[in-house]
């Protein structure tokens, strides 16, 4: 009886579909940042950067901070950044940490 109970408890995570979390690795990416912030909605109304991941891509709202980057309106930026997954992010926060590696270009818009 006890052996059956222990075996059942050991197999419970498998039967419920619980698996080890997949550990994602940090990535180096290029971000293109637009010249103006735009109004956006996170948990509260705020302003976001406009970014795209390729020169021809669509602009997307971006509310996460980029460590080491100081945005100045009126310029188009090309940044090389490190995107690091956060293992257990807060419910109201980003699932990534963004770090500026290189300011590739800064041109007047």
C-alpha atoms as a PDB file:
ATOM      1  CA  UNK A   1       0.000   0.000   0.000  1.00  0.00           C
ATOM      2  CA  UNK A   2       2.723   2.479   0.970  1.00  0.00           C
ATOM      3  CA  UNK A   3       4.825   1.496  -2.070  1.00  0.00           C
ATOM      4  CA  UNK A   4       1.832   2.096  -4.355  1.00  0.00           C
ATOM      5  CA  UNK A   5       1.192   5.490  -2.760  1.00  0.00           C
ATOM      6  CA  UNK A   6       4.847   6.537  -3.091  1.00  0.00           C
ATOM      7  CA  UNK A   7       4.967   5.397  -6.708  1.00  0.00           C
ATOM      8  CA  UNK A   8       1.799   7.359  -7.434  1.00  0.00           C
ATOM      9  CA  UNK A   9       3.267  10.508  -5.846  1.00  0.00           C
ATOM     10  CA  UNK A  10       6.475  10.141  -7.842  1.00  0.00           C
ATOM     11  CA  UNK A  11       4.573   9.779 -11.122  1.00  0.00           C
ATOM     12  CA  UNK A  12       2.109  12.604 -10.374  1.00  0.00           C
ATOM     13  CA  UNK A  13       4.229  15.363 -11.977  1.00  0.00           C
ATOM     14  CA  UNK A  14       4.573  13.293 -15.152  1.00  0.00           C
ATOM     15  CA  UNK A  15       0.866  12.582 -15.308  1.00  0.00           C
ATOM     16  CA  UNK A  16      -0.031  16.243 -14.806  1.00  0.00           C
ATOM     17  CA  UNK A  17       2.247  17.394 -17.597  1.00  0.00           C
ATOM     18  CA  UNK A  18       4.643  19.172 -15.248  1.00  0.00           C
ATOM     19  CA  UNK A  19       8.102  19.336 -16.757  1.00  0.00           C
ATOM     20  CA  UNK A  20      11.313  21.152 -16.013  1.00  0.00           C
ATOM     21  CA  UNK A  21      11.250  24.726 -17.322  1.00  0.00           C
ATOM     22  CA  UNK A  22      13.146  25.321 -20.527  1.00  0.00           C
ATOM     23  CA  UNK A  23      16.083  27.593 -19.790  1.00  0.00           C
ATOM     24  CA  UNK A  24      16.386  30.119 -22.586  1.00  0.00           C
ATOM     25  CA  UNK A  25      19.743  31.655 -23.312  1.00  0.00           C
ATOM     26  CA  UNK A  26      20.690  35.275 -23.679  1.00  0.00           C
ATOM     27  CA  UNK A  27      20.689  36.632 -27.221  1.00  0.00           C
ATOM     28  CA  UNK A  28      22.460  39.489 -28.955  1.00  0.00           C
ATOM     29  CA  UNK A  29      20.034  41.439 -31.140  1.00  0.00           C
ATOM     30  CA  UNK A  30      19.933  44.587 -33.234  1.00  0.00           C
ATOM     31  CA  UNK A  31      17.208  47.083 -32.361  1.00  0.00           C
ATOM     32  CA  UNK A  32      16.227  50.060 -34.480  1.00  0.00           C
ATOM     33  CA  UNK A  33      14.707  52.810 -32.335  1.00  0.00           C
ATOM     34  CA  UNK A  34      12.427  55.478 -33.802  1.00  0.00           C
ATOM     35  CA  UNK A  35      12.787  59.220 -33.196  1.00  0.00           C
ATOM     36  CA  UNK A  36       9.749  59.735 -30.955  1.00  0.00           C
ATOM     37  CA  UNK A  37       8.024  58.016 -28.063  1.00  0.00           C
ATOM     38  CA  UNK A  38       4.372  57.154 -28.472  1.00  0.00           C
ATOM     39  CA  UNK A  39       1.532  56.744 -26.009  1.00  0.00           C
ATOM     40  CA  UNK A  40       0.958  53.121 -25.081  1.00  0.00           C
ATOM     41  CA  UNK A  41      -0.766  51.037 -22.461  1.00  0.00           C
ATOM     42  CA  UNK A  42       1.051  48.734 -20.087  1.00  0.00           C
ATOM     43  CA  UNK A  43      -0.547  48.349 -16.668  1.00  0.00           C
ATOM     44  CA  UNK A  44      -1.043  52.107 -16.757  1.00  0.00           C
ATOM     45  CA  UNK A  45      -0.957  54.592 -19.639  1.00  0.00           C
ATOM     46  CA  UNK A  46       2.655  55.534 -20.390  1.00  0.00           C
ATOM     47  CA  UNK A  47       4.944  56.304 -23.306  1.00  0.00           C
ATOM     48  CA  UNK A  48       6.924  53.698 -25.213  1.00  0.00           C
ATOM     49  CA  UNK A  49       9.836  53.661 -27.580  1.00  0.00           C
ATOM     50  CA  UNK A  50       9.070  52.654 -31.138  1.00  0.00           C
ATOM     51  CA  UNK A  51      11.362  49.796 -32.151  1.00  0.00           C
ATOM     52  CA  UNK A  52      11.812  47.296 -34.929  1.00  0.00           C
ATOM     53  CA  UNK A  53      14.103  44.311 -35.207  1.00  0.00           C
ATOM     54  CA  UNK A  54      15.062  44.851 -38.845  1.00  0.00           C
ATOM     55  CA  UNK A  55      15.425  48.016 -40.958  1.00  0.00           C
ATOM     56  CA  UNK A  56      12.311  47.118 -42.961  1.00  0.00           C
ATOM     57  CA  UNK A  57      10.254  45.736 -40.051  1.00  0.00           C
ATOM     58  CA  UNK A  58       7.114  47.232 -38.592  1.00  0.00           C
ATOM     59  CA  UNK A  59       7.375  49.624 -35.663  1.00  0.00           C
ATOM     60  CA  UNK A  60       6.333  48.108 -32.336  1.00  0.00           C
ATOM     61  CA  UNK A  61       5.716  49.662 -28.928  1.00  0.00           C
ATOM     62  CA  UNK A  62       8.562  48.877 -26.532  1.00  0.00           C
ATOM     63  CA  UNK A  63       8.093  49.651 -22.844  1.00  0.00           C
ATOM     64  CA  UNK A  64      11.049  47.792 -21.318  1.00  0.00           C
ATOM     65  CA  UNK A  65      14.073  49.758 -20.120  1.00  0.00           C
ATOM     66  CA  UNK A  66      17.372  49.239 -21.932  1.00  0.00           C
ATOM     67  CA  UNK A  67      20.196  49.455 -19.404  1.00  0.00           C
ATOM     68  CA  UNK A  68      22.831  51.971 -20.503  1.00  0.00           C
ATOM     69  CA  UNK A  69      20.667  53.612 -23.198  1.00  0.00           C
ATOM     70  CA  UNK A  70      19.573  57.256 -22.932  1.00  0.00           C
ATOM     71  CA  UNK A  71      16.860  58.059 -25.468  1.00  0.00           C
ATOM     72  CA  UNK A  72      16.976  61.520 -27.032  1.00  0.00           C
ATOM     73  CA  UNK A  73      13.972  62.480 -29.204  1.00  0.00           C
ATOM     74  CA  UNK A  74      14.607  63.398 -32.819  1.00  0.00           C
ATOM     75  CA  UNK A  75      17.142  60.677 -33.598  1.00  0.00           C
ATOM     76  CA  UNK A  76      17.003  57.260 -35.238  1.00  0.00           C
ATOM     77  CA  UNK A  77      19.134  54.723 -33.405  1.00  0.00           C
ATOM     78  CA  UNK A  78      20.642  51.378 -34.272  1.00  0.00           C
ATOM     79  CA  UNK A  79      21.552  49.481 -31.117  1.00  0.00           C
ATOM     80  CA  UNK A  80      23.231  46.192 -30.432  1.00  0.00           C
ATOM     81  CA  UNK A  81      21.637  44.807 -27.267  1.00  0.00           C
ATOM     82  CA  UNK A  82      21.761  41.730 -25.086  1.00  0.00           C
ATOM     83  CA  UNK A  83      18.326  40.240 -24.283  1.00  0.00           C
ATOM     84  CA  UNK A  84      18.448  38.069 -21.183  1.00  0.00           C
ATOM     85  CA  UNK A  85      15.407  35.994 -20.177  1.00  0.00           C
ATOM     86  CA  UNK A  86      14.192  36.471 -16.613  1.00  0.00           C
ATOM     87  CA  UNK A  87      13.476  33.052 -15.127  1.00  0.00           C
ATOM     88  CA  UNK A  88      10.521  34.011 -12.948  1.00  0.00           C
ATOM     89  CA  UNK A  89       9.369  37.500 -13.965  1.00  0.00           C
ATOM     90  CA  UNK A  90       6.811  39.431 -11.939  1.00  0.00           C
ATOM     91  CA  UNK A  91       3.270  39.341 -13.315  1.00  0.00           C
ATOM     92  CA  UNK A  92       3.403  43.050 -14.143  1.00  0.00           C
ATOM     93  CA  UNK A  93       6.961  43.081 -15.486  1.00  0.00           C
ATOM     94  CA  UNK A  94       9.000  42.145 -18.497  1.00  0.00           C
ATOM     95  CA  UNK A  95      10.208  38.622 -19.105  1.00  0.00           C
ATOM     96  CA  UNK A  96      13.502  40.047 -20.436  1.00  0.00           C
ATOM     97  CA  UNK A  97      16.362  42.209 -19.237  1.00  0.00           C
ATOM     98  CA  UNK A  98      17.786  44.438 -21.998  1.00  0.00           C
ATOM     99  CA  UNK A  99      21.380  45.708 -21.894  1.00  0.00           C
ATOM    100  CA  UNK A 100      22.987  48.086 -24.387  1.00  0.00           C
ATOM    101  CA  UNK A 101      26.151  46.566 -25.850  1.00  0.00           C
ATOM    102  CA  UNK A 102      26.855  49.128 -28.556  1.00  0.00           C
ATOM    103  CA  UNK A 103      25.364  52.307 -29.976  1.00  0.00           C
ATOM    104  CA  UNK A 104      25.911  51.449 -33.661  1.00  0.00           C
ATOM    105  CA  UNK A 105      24.447  54.669 -35.043  1.00  0.00           C
ATOM    106  CA  UNK A 106      22.545  57.791 -34.029  1.00  0.00           C
ATOM    107  CA  UNK A 107      21.242  59.907 -36.899  1.00  0.00           C
ATOM    108  CA  UNK A 108      19.003  62.962 -36.924  1.00  0.00           C
ATOM    109  CA  UNK A 109      15.524  62.016 -38.118  1.00  0.00           C
END
